Amino acid sequence: MSDKLTDERRRYLVQALGMGLFASGSIISLHQPALALGGMSRKLPPGRSIFKIKGSVTVDGKPADIKTFIGANSLIKTGPSSRVIFAVGKDAFILRSESELQLGGVDMLIDGMRILTGKLLSVFGKRVQPHQINTRTATIGIRGTGIYIESDAEKSYVCTCYGHTVISSTEKPDVSLDVKTKHHESPVYILPGSTGKVIVPAPVINHTDSELELIEQLVGRHTPFDSYESGGSY
């Protein structure tokens, strides 16, 4: 398939997104128990990166296990039916199957990321300077935020679960959306920039509040909408 969609295929894609066809069978309860991810978490001990690992996962080209260190410049890849839950500094992640994530930063501070393909749930500690996540079709500027992203050759999906992001089209950088949310209010698809709208509304798919709470706990925080009264706040 060429890098740009034909007008006919693009019209079909926009219509399908509006009808929720890509979310069929994928919209799940935001309150799904964290037990499915291996139980409730707690803050990772110093020197530990990975909380849970399943299936085929590589870090910097080498097979990973529970003791593998993940740094701010690591390349993480997952195979079919695989997953890794990990933290770097004050940021934490769930990288789902068949995904490729390139981190960029210094020491344990991530200042940029690129996910060309796959699915990623992330929570970020607050920063003085914003940093970016890049997909094939989108650039997302973030500070302290919970965010879920899916990326493939035809589109990106971005849900700002809570916090503040600025989402722009890679092909049309003048097209952007400033998003401030408290609880999954404004998920969007970002499409290739041939014709028509490139940022369109989307449903909430494939991630839960329980997952967000789990990875926030890995870095000593809770989600802004949780029921806990103690521990790290966002």
C-alpha atoms as a PDB file:
ATOM      1  CA  MET A   1       0.000   0.000   0.000  1.00  0.00           C
ATOM      2  CA  SER A   2       1.305   3.500  -0.826  1.00  0.00           C
ATOM      3  CA  ASP A   3       2.081   5.927   1.954  1.00  0.00           C
ATOM      4  CA  LYS A   4      -1.001   7.975   1.107  1.00  0.00           C
ATOM      5  CA  LEU A   5      -4.486   6.569   1.067  1.00  0.00           C
ATOM      6  CA  THR A   6      -6.579   6.982  -2.061  1.00  0.00           C
ATOM      7  CA  ASP A   7      -9.515   9.364  -1.723  1.00  0.00           C
ATOM      8  CA  GLU A   8     -11.935   6.448  -1.960  1.00  0.00           C
ATOM      9  CA  ARG A   9     -10.208   4.442   0.739  1.00  0.00           C
ATOM     10  CA  ARG A  10      -9.852   7.525   2.889  1.00  0.00           C
ATOM     11  CA  ARG A  11     -13.601   8.211   2.708  1.00  0.00           C
ATOM     12  CA  TYR A  12     -14.262   4.613   3.716  1.00  0.00           C
ATOM     13  CA  LEU A  13     -11.803   4.870   6.602  1.00  0.00           C
ATOM     14  CA  VAL A  14     -13.364   8.065   7.968  1.00  0.00           C
ATOM     15  CA  GLN A  15     -16.852   6.557   7.684  1.00  0.00           C
ATOM     16  CA  ALA A  16     -15.734   3.350   9.376  1.00  0.00           C
ATOM     17  CA  LEU A  17     -14.116   5.263  12.224  1.00  0.00           C
ATOM     18  CA  GLY A  18     -17.265   7.292  12.705  1.00  0.00           C
ATOM     19  CA  MET A  19     -19.323   4.114  12.892  1.00  0.00           C
ATOM     20  CA  GLY A  20     -16.908   2.565  15.387  1.00  0.00           C
ATOM     21  CA  LEU A  21     -16.047  -0.374  13.143  1.00  0.00           C
ATOM     22  CA  PHE A  22     -12.414  -0.423  14.219  1.00  0.00           C
ATOM     23  CA  ALA A  23     -13.526  -0.638  17.840  1.00  0.00           C
ATOM     24  CA  SER A  24     -15.820  -3.623  17.277  1.00  0.00           C
ATOM     25  CA  GLY A  25     -15.175  -6.155  19.999  1.00  0.00           C
ATOM     26  CA  SER A  26     -12.520  -3.911  21.518  1.00  0.00           C
ATOM     27  CA  ILE A  27     -14.455  -1.522  23.751  1.00  0.00           C
ATOM     28  CA  ILE A  28     -13.882  -2.836  27.248  1.00  0.00           C
ATOM     29  CA  SER A  29     -14.870  -1.764  30.715  1.00  0.00           C
ATOM     30  CA  LEU A  30     -12.683   0.976  32.135  1.00  0.00           C
ATOM     31  CA  HIS A  31     -12.881  -0.826  35.459  1.00  0.00           C
ATOM     32  CA  GLN A  32     -11.549  -4.218  34.362  1.00  0.00           C
ATOM     33  CA  PRO A  33      -9.707  -5.808  37.325  1.00  0.00           C
ATOM     34  CA  ALA A  34      -5.930  -5.503  37.369  1.00  0.00           C
ATOM     35  CA  LEU A  35      -5.773  -9.192  38.268  1.00  0.00           C
ATOM     36  CA  ALA A  36      -5.689  -9.938  34.550  1.00  0.00           C
ATOM     37  CA  LEU A  37      -2.292  -8.224  34.469  1.00  0.00           C
ATOM     38  CA  GLY A  38      -0.822 -10.301  37.254  1.00  0.00           C
ATOM     39  CA  GLY A  39      -2.220  -8.721  40.407  1.00  0.00           C
ATOM     40  CA  MET A  40      -2.005  -5.346  42.082  1.00  0.00           C
ATOM     41  CA  SER A  41       1.325  -3.591  41.930  1.00  0.00           C
ATOM     42  CA  ARG A  42       3.495  -1.610  44.273  1.00  0.00           C
ATOM     43  CA  LYS A  43       6.403   0.741  43.678  1.00  0.00           C
ATOM     44  CA  LEU A  44       9.260  -1.051  41.959  1.00  0.00           C
ATOM     45  CA  PRO A  45      12.405  -1.428  44.088  1.00  0.00           C
ATOM     46  CA  PRO A  46      15.522   0.575  43.081  1.00  0.00           C
ATOM     47  CA  GLY A  47      17.349  -0.947  40.115  1.00  0.00           C
ATOM     48  CA  ARG A  48      14.316  -2.890  38.895  1.00  0.00           C
ATOM     49  CA  SER A  49      12.687  -1.987  35.555  1.00  0.00           C
ATOM     50  CA  ILE A  50      10.195  -4.761  34.756  1.00  0.00           C
ATOM     51  CA  PHE A  51       7.110  -5.602  36.799  1.00  0.00           C
ATOM     52  CA  LYS A  52       5.625  -8.292  34.537  1.00  0.00           C
ATOM     53  CA  ILE A  53       6.748  -9.892  31.293  1.00  0.00           C
ATOM     54  CA  LYS A  54       4.940 -12.375  29.069  1.00  0.00           C
ATOM     55  CA  GLY A  55       5.964 -14.104  25.852  1.00  0.00           C
ATOM     56  CA  SER A  56       8.677 -12.863  23.494  1.00  0.00           C
ATOM     57  CA  VAL A  57      10.151  -9.503  24.523  1.00  0.00           C
ATOM     58  CA  THR A  58      13.498  -7.999  23.533  1.00  0.00           C
ATOM     59  CA  VAL A  59      15.287  -4.971  24.977  1.00  0.00           C
ATOM     60  CA  ASP A  60      18.043  -3.468  22.843  1.00  0.00           C
ATOM     61  CA  GLY A  61      18.029  -6.570  20.652  1.00  0.00           C
ATOM     62  CA  LYS A  62      18.438  -9.108  23.459  1.00  0.00           C
ATOM     63  CA  PRO A  63      15.796 -11.432  24.953  1.00  0.00           C
ATOM     64  CA  ALA A  64      14.390  -9.870  28.124  1.00  0.00           C
ATOM     65  CA  ASP A  65      13.424 -11.386  31.451  1.00  0.00           C
ATOM     66  CA  ILE A  66      12.144 -10.006  34.748  1.00  0.00           C
ATOM     67  CA  LYS A  67      15.660  -8.802  35.680  1.00  0.00           C
ATOM     68  CA  THR A  68      16.387  -6.931  32.432  1.00  0.00           C
ATOM     69  CA  PHE A  69      17.234  -3.246  32.822  1.00  0.00           C
ATOM     70  CA  ILE A  70      15.376  -0.754  30.623  1.00  0.00           C
ATOM     71  CA  GLY A  71      16.969   2.674  30.255  1.00  0.00           C
ATOM     72  CA  ALA A  72      15.868   6.000  28.819  1.00  0.00           C
ATOM     73  CA  ASN A  73      17.308   5.122  25.375  1.00  0.00           C
ATOM     74  CA  SER A  74      16.198   1.496  25.142  1.00  0.00           C
ATOM     75  CA  LEU A  75      14.449  -0.141  22.187  1.00  0.00           C
ATOM     76  CA  ILE A  76      11.706  -2.514  23.329  1.00  0.00           C
ATOM     77  CA  LYS A  77       9.952  -4.994  21.026  1.00  0.00           C
ATOM     78  CA  THR A  78       7.201  -7.509  21.770  1.00  0.00           C
ATOM     79  CA  GLY A  79       6.146 -10.537  19.743  1.00  0.00           C
ATOM     80  CA  PRO A  80       2.697 -12.074  19.218  1.00  0.00           C
ATOM     81  CA  SER A  81       0.714 -12.726  22.426  1.00  0.00           C
ATOM     82  CA  SER A  82       3.413 -10.916  24.405  1.00  0.00           C
ATOM     83  CA  ARG A  83       3.468  -8.004  26.840  1.00  0.00           C
ATOM     84  CA  VAL A  84       5.806  -6.141  29.160  1.00  0.00           C
ATOM     85  CA  ILE A  85       4.928  -3.844  32.073  1.00  0.00           C
ATOM     86  CA  PHE A  86       7.846  -1.636  33.120  1.00  0.00           C
ATOM     87  CA  ALA A  87       9.027   1.690  34.501  1.00  0.00           C
ATOM     88  CA  VAL A  88      11.836   4.105  33.654  1.00  0.00           C
ATOM     89  CA  GLY A  89      12.448   6.841  36.229  1.00  0.00           C
ATOM     90  CA  LYS A  90       9.078   8.409  37.081  1.00  0.00           C
ATOM     91  CA  ASP A  91       7.315   7.057  33.967  1.00  0.00           C
ATOM     92  CA  ALA A  92       5.626   3.657  33.581  1.00  0.00           C
ATOM     93  CA  PHE A  93       4.272   1.649  30.661  1.00  0.00           C
ATOM     94  CA  ILE A  94       2.331  -1.335  29.378  1.00  0.00           C
ATOM     95  CA  LEU A  95       3.607  -2.320  25.923  1.00  0.00           C
ATOM     96  CA  ARG A  96       1.228  -4.780  24.288  1.00  0.00           C
ATOM     97  CA  SER A  97       1.886  -7.505  21.707  1.00  0.00           C
ATOM     98  CA  GLU A  98       3.565  -6.923  18.334  1.00  0.00           C
ATOM     99  CA  SER A  99       4.796  -3.466  19.295  1.00  0.00           C
ATOM    100  CA  GLU A 100       8.028  -1.546  18.830  1.00  0.00           C
ATOM    101  CA  LEU A 101       8.928   1.339  21.144  1.00  0.00           C
ATOM    102  CA  GLN A 102      12.068   3.467  20.927  1.00  0.00           C
ATOM    103  CA  LEU A 103      12.768   5.566  24.022  1.00  0.00           C
ATOM    104  CA  GLY A 104      14.961   8.657  23.957  1.00  0.00           C
ATOM    105  CA  GLY A 105      16.469  10.476  26.911  1.00  0.00           C
ATOM    106  CA  VAL A 106      19.342  10.902  29.341  1.00  0.00           C
ATOM    107  CA  ASP A 107      20.039   8.717  32.374  1.00  0.00           C
ATOM    108  CA  MET A 108      16.549   7.795  33.662  1.00  0.00           C
ATOM    109  CA  LEU A 109      14.690  10.807  32.237  1.00  0.00           C
ATOM    110  CA  ILE A 110      12.748  10.144  29.040  1.00  0.00           C
ATOM    111  CA  ASP A 111      12.386  13.237  26.852  1.00  0.00           C
ATOM    112  CA  GLY A 112      11.054  11.584  23.695  1.00  0.00           C
ATOM    113  CA  MET A 113       9.558   8.357  22.363  1.00  0.00           C
ATOM    114  CA  ARG A 114       8.683   6.810  19.021  1.00  0.00           C
ATOM    115  CA  ILE A 115       6.149   4.038  18.513  1.00  0.00           C
ATOM    116  CA  LEU A 116       5.904   3.085  14.837  1.00  0.00           C
ATOM    117  CA  THR A 117       3.657   0.105  15.406  1.00  0.00           C
ATOM    118  CA  GLY A 118       1.742  -1.373  18.297  1.00  0.00           C
ATOM    119  CA  LYS A 119      -0.140  -0.400  21.440  1.00  0.00           C
ATOM    120  CA  LEU A 120       1.187   1.486  24.451  1.00  0.00           C
ATOM    121  CA  LEU A 121      -0.332   2.672  27.731  1.00  0.00           C
ATOM    122  CA  SER A 122       1.834   5.231  29.535  1.00  0.00           C
ATOM    123  CA  VAL A 123       1.842   7.429  32.623  1.00  0.00           C
ATOM    124  CA  PHE A 124       4.336  10.264  32.952  1.00  0.00           C
ATOM    125  CA  GLY A 125       5.563  12.244  35.927  1.00  0.00           C
ATOM    126  CA  LYS A 126       5.254  16.021  35.759  1.00  0.00           C
ATOM    127  CA  ARG A 127       7.976  17.864  33.869  1.00  0.00           C
ATOM    128  CA  VAL A 128       9.134  21.449  33.561  1.00  0.00           C
ATOM    129  CA  GLN A 129       9.621  21.020  29.809  1.00  0.00           C
ATOM    130  CA  PRO A 130       7.163  19.086  27.611  1.00  0.00           C
ATOM    131  CA  HIS A 131       8.372  16.077  25.666  1.00  0.00           C
ATOM    132  CA  GLN A 132       7.049  14.249  22.619  1.00  0.00           C
ATOM    133  CA  ILE A 133       5.703  10.920  21.486  1.00  0.00           C
ATOM    134  CA  ASN A 134       5.864  10.282  17.740  1.00  0.00           C
ATOM    135  CA  THR A 135       3.814   7.781  15.734  1.00  0.00           C
ATOM    136  CA  ARG A 136       3.554   7.350  11.962  1.00  0.00           C
ATOM    137  CA  THR A 137       0.776   9.937  11.701  1.00  0.00           C
ATOM    138  CA  ALA A 138       0.948  12.008  14.897  1.00  0.00           C
ATOM    139  CA  THR A 139       3.150  14.049  17.187  1.00  0.00           C
ATOM    140  CA  ILE A 140       1.955  14.287  20.788  1.00  0.00           C
ATOM    141  CA  GLY A 141       3.384  16.872  23.161  1.00  0.00           C
ATOM    142  CA  ILE A 142       2.949  15.950  26.817  1.00  0.00           C
ATOM    143  CA  ARG A 143       3.847  16.909  30.374  1.00  0.00           C
ATOM    144  CA  GLY A 144       2.424  14.905  33.288  1.00  0.00           C
ATOM    145  CA  THR A 145      -0.188  12.719  31.619  1.00  0.00           C
ATOM    146  CA  GLY A 146      -1.811   9.322  31.342  1.00  0.00           C
ATOM    147  CA  ILE A 147      -2.110   8.372  27.672  1.00  0.00           C
ATOM    148  CA  TYR A 148      -3.002   5.361  25.516  1.00  0.00           C
ATOM    149  CA  ILE A 149      -1.710   5.087  21.932  1.00  0.00           C
ATOM    150  CA  GLU A 150      -2.191   2.664  19.058  1.00  0.00           C
ATOM    151  CA  SER A 151      -0.099   3.104  15.918  1.00  0.00           C
ATOM    152  CA  ASP A 152      -0.120   1.460  12.499  1.00  0.00           C
ATOM    153  CA  ALA A 153       0.557   2.470   8.899  1.00  0.00           C
ATOM    154  CA  GLU A 154      -2.903   3.946   8.281  1.00  0.00           C
ATOM    155  CA  LYS A 155      -3.788   5.765  11.479  1.00  0.00           C
ATOM    156  CA  SER A 156      -2.959   6.489  15.089  1.00  0.00           C
ATOM    157  CA  TYR A 157      -5.304   6.331  18.060  1.00  0.00           C
ATOM    158  CA  VAL A 158      -4.689   8.617  21.036  1.00  0.00           C
ATOM    159  CA  CYS A 159      -6.658   8.774  24.280  1.00  0.00           C
ATOM    160  CA  THR A 160      -5.491  11.396  26.749  1.00  0.00           C
ATOM    161  CA  CYS A 161      -6.735   9.511  29.801  1.00  0.00           C
ATOM    162  CA  TYR A 162      -5.990  12.478  32.073  1.00  0.00           C
ATOM    163  CA  GLY A 163      -3.750  15.491  31.865  1.00  0.00           C
ATOM    164  CA  HIS A 164      -2.755  17.789  29.009  1.00  0.00           C
ATOM    165  CA  THR A 165      -1.548  16.948  25.506  1.00  0.00           C
ATOM    166  CA  VAL A 166      -1.185  18.746  22.201  1.00  0.00           C
ATOM    167  CA  ILE A 167      -1.825  16.361  19.311  1.00  0.00           C
ATOM    168  CA  SER A 168      -0.764  17.303  15.779  1.00  0.00           C
ATOM    169  CA  SER A 169      -0.689  15.616  12.391  1.00  0.00           C
ATOM    170  CA  THR A 170       2.733  14.513  11.151  1.00  0.00           C
ATOM    171  CA  GLU A 171       1.859  15.335   7.537  1.00  0.00           C
ATOM    172  CA  LYS A 172      -0.077  18.511   8.381  1.00  0.00           C
ATOM    173  CA  PRO A 173       1.683  19.978  11.441  1.00  0.00           C
ATOM    174  CA  ASP A 174      -0.511  23.079  11.313  1.00  0.00           C
ATOM    175  CA  VAL A 175      -3.480  20.828  12.196  1.00  0.00           C
ATOM    176  CA  SER A 176      -3.441  20.266  15.942  1.00  0.00           C
ATOM    177  CA  LEU A 177      -5.711  19.652  18.907  1.00  0.00           C
ATOM    178  CA  ASP A 178      -5.122  20.927  22.449  1.00  0.00           C
ATOM    179  CA  VAL A 179      -6.554  18.314  24.834  1.00  0.00           C
ATOM    180  CA  LYS A 180      -7.148  18.669  28.587  1.00  0.00           C
ATOM    181  CA  THR A 181      -8.990  15.782  30.212  1.00  0.00           C
ATOM    182  CA  LYS A 182      -9.801  14.294  33.597  1.00  0.00           C
ATOM    183  CA  HIS A 183     -11.161  10.883  32.549  1.00  0.00           C
ATOM    184  CA  HIS A 184     -10.896   9.751  28.903  1.00  0.00           C
ATOM    185  CA  GLU A 185     -13.114  12.543  27.538  1.00  0.00           C
ATOM    186  CA  SER A 186     -11.497  13.148  24.131  1.00  0.00           C
ATOM    187  CA  PRO A 187      -9.985  10.127  22.333  1.00  0.00           C
ATOM    188  CA  VAL A 188      -9.157  10.709  18.658  1.00  0.00           C
ATOM    189  CA  TYR A 189      -7.861   9.036  15.516  1.00  0.00           C
ATOM    190  CA  ILE A 190      -5.113  10.806  13.548  1.00  0.00           C
ATOM    191  CA  LEU A 191      -5.262   9.905   9.854  1.00  0.00           C
ATOM    192  CA  PRO A 192      -2.808  10.397   6.964  1.00  0.00           C
ATOM    193  CA  GLY A 193      -2.972  13.925   5.612  1.00  0.00           C
ATOM    194  CA  SER A 194      -4.171  13.502   2.018  1.00  0.00           C
ATOM    195  CA  THR A 195      -7.633  15.115   2.097  1.00  0.00           C
ATOM    196  CA  GLY A 196     -10.385  15.857   4.555  1.00  0.00           C
ATOM    197  CA  LYS A 197     -10.106  15.838   8.326  1.00  0.00           C
ATOM    198  CA  VAL A 198      -6.978  14.304   9.798  1.00  0.00           C
ATOM    199  CA  ILE A 199      -8.036  14.361  13.477  1.00  0.00           C
ATOM    200  CA  VAL A 200     -11.433  12.784  14.136  1.00  0.00           C
ATOM    201  CA  PRO A 201     -13.284  11.690  17.310  1.00  0.00           C
ATOM    202  CA  ALA A 202     -12.887   8.091  18.486  1.00  0.00           C
ATOM    203  CA  PRO A 203     -14.354   5.789  21.158  1.00  0.00           C
ATOM    204  CA  VAL A 204     -12.503   4.661  24.279  1.00  0.00           C
ATOM    205  CA  ILE A 205     -10.902   1.307  23.401  1.00  0.00           C
ATOM    206  CA  ASN A 206      -8.454  -1.289  24.692  1.00  0.00           C
ATOM    207  CA  HIS A 207      -7.352   0.242  28.018  1.00  0.00           C
ATOM    208  CA  THR A 208      -8.738   0.452  31.539  1.00  0.00           C
ATOM    209  CA  ASP A 209      -8.568   2.521  34.711  1.00  0.00           C
ATOM    210  CA  SER A 210      -7.234  -0.538  36.530  1.00  0.00           C
ATOM    211  CA  GLU A 211      -4.266  -0.692  34.159  1.00  0.00           C
ATOM    212  CA  LEU A 212      -3.567   2.999  34.686  1.00  0.00           C
ATOM    213  CA  GLU A 213      -3.713   2.575  38.461  1.00  0.00           C
ATOM    214  CA  LEU A 214      -1.388  -0.416  38.271  1.00  0.00           C
ATOM    215  CA  ILE A 215       1.365   1.408  36.404  1.00  0.00           C
ATOM    216  CA  GLU A 216       0.965   4.620  38.427  1.00  0.00           C
ATOM    217  CA  GLN A 217       1.654   2.530  41.533  1.00  0.00           C
ATOM    218  CA  LEU A 218       4.894   1.265  39.994  1.00  0.00           C
ATOM    219  CA  VAL A 219       6.262   4.816  40.278  1.00  0.00           C
ATOM    220  CA  GLY A 220       4.662   5.647  43.628  1.00  0.00           C
ATOM    221  CA  ARG A 221       1.561   7.506  42.467  1.00  0.00           C
ATOM    222  CA  HIS A 222      -2.169   6.974  42.024  1.00  0.00           C
ATOM    223  CA  THR A 223      -4.493   8.026  39.225  1.00  0.00           C
ATOM    224  CA  PRO A 224      -6.204  11.414  39.765  1.00  0.00           C
ATOM    225  CA  PHE A 225      -9.603   9.717  39.926  1.00  0.00           C
ATOM    226  CA  ASP A 226      -8.815   6.858  42.322  1.00  0.00           C
ATOM    227  CA  SER A 227     -10.324   6.308  45.763  1.00  0.00           C
ATOM    228  CA  TYR A 228      -7.074   6.148  47.706  1.00  0.00           C
ATOM    229  CA  GLU A 229      -6.324   8.758  50.343  1.00  0.00           C
ATOM    230  CA  SER A 230      -2.663   7.924  50.926  1.00  0.00           C
ATOM    231  CA  GLY A 231       0.436   7.428  48.828  1.00  0.00           C
ATOM    232  CA  GLY A 232       1.869   9.500  46.024  1.00  0.00           C
ATOM    233  CA  SER A 233      -0.458  11.912  44.320  1.00  0.00           C
ATOM    234  CA  TYR A 234      -0.353  12.912  40.683  1.00  0.00           C
END
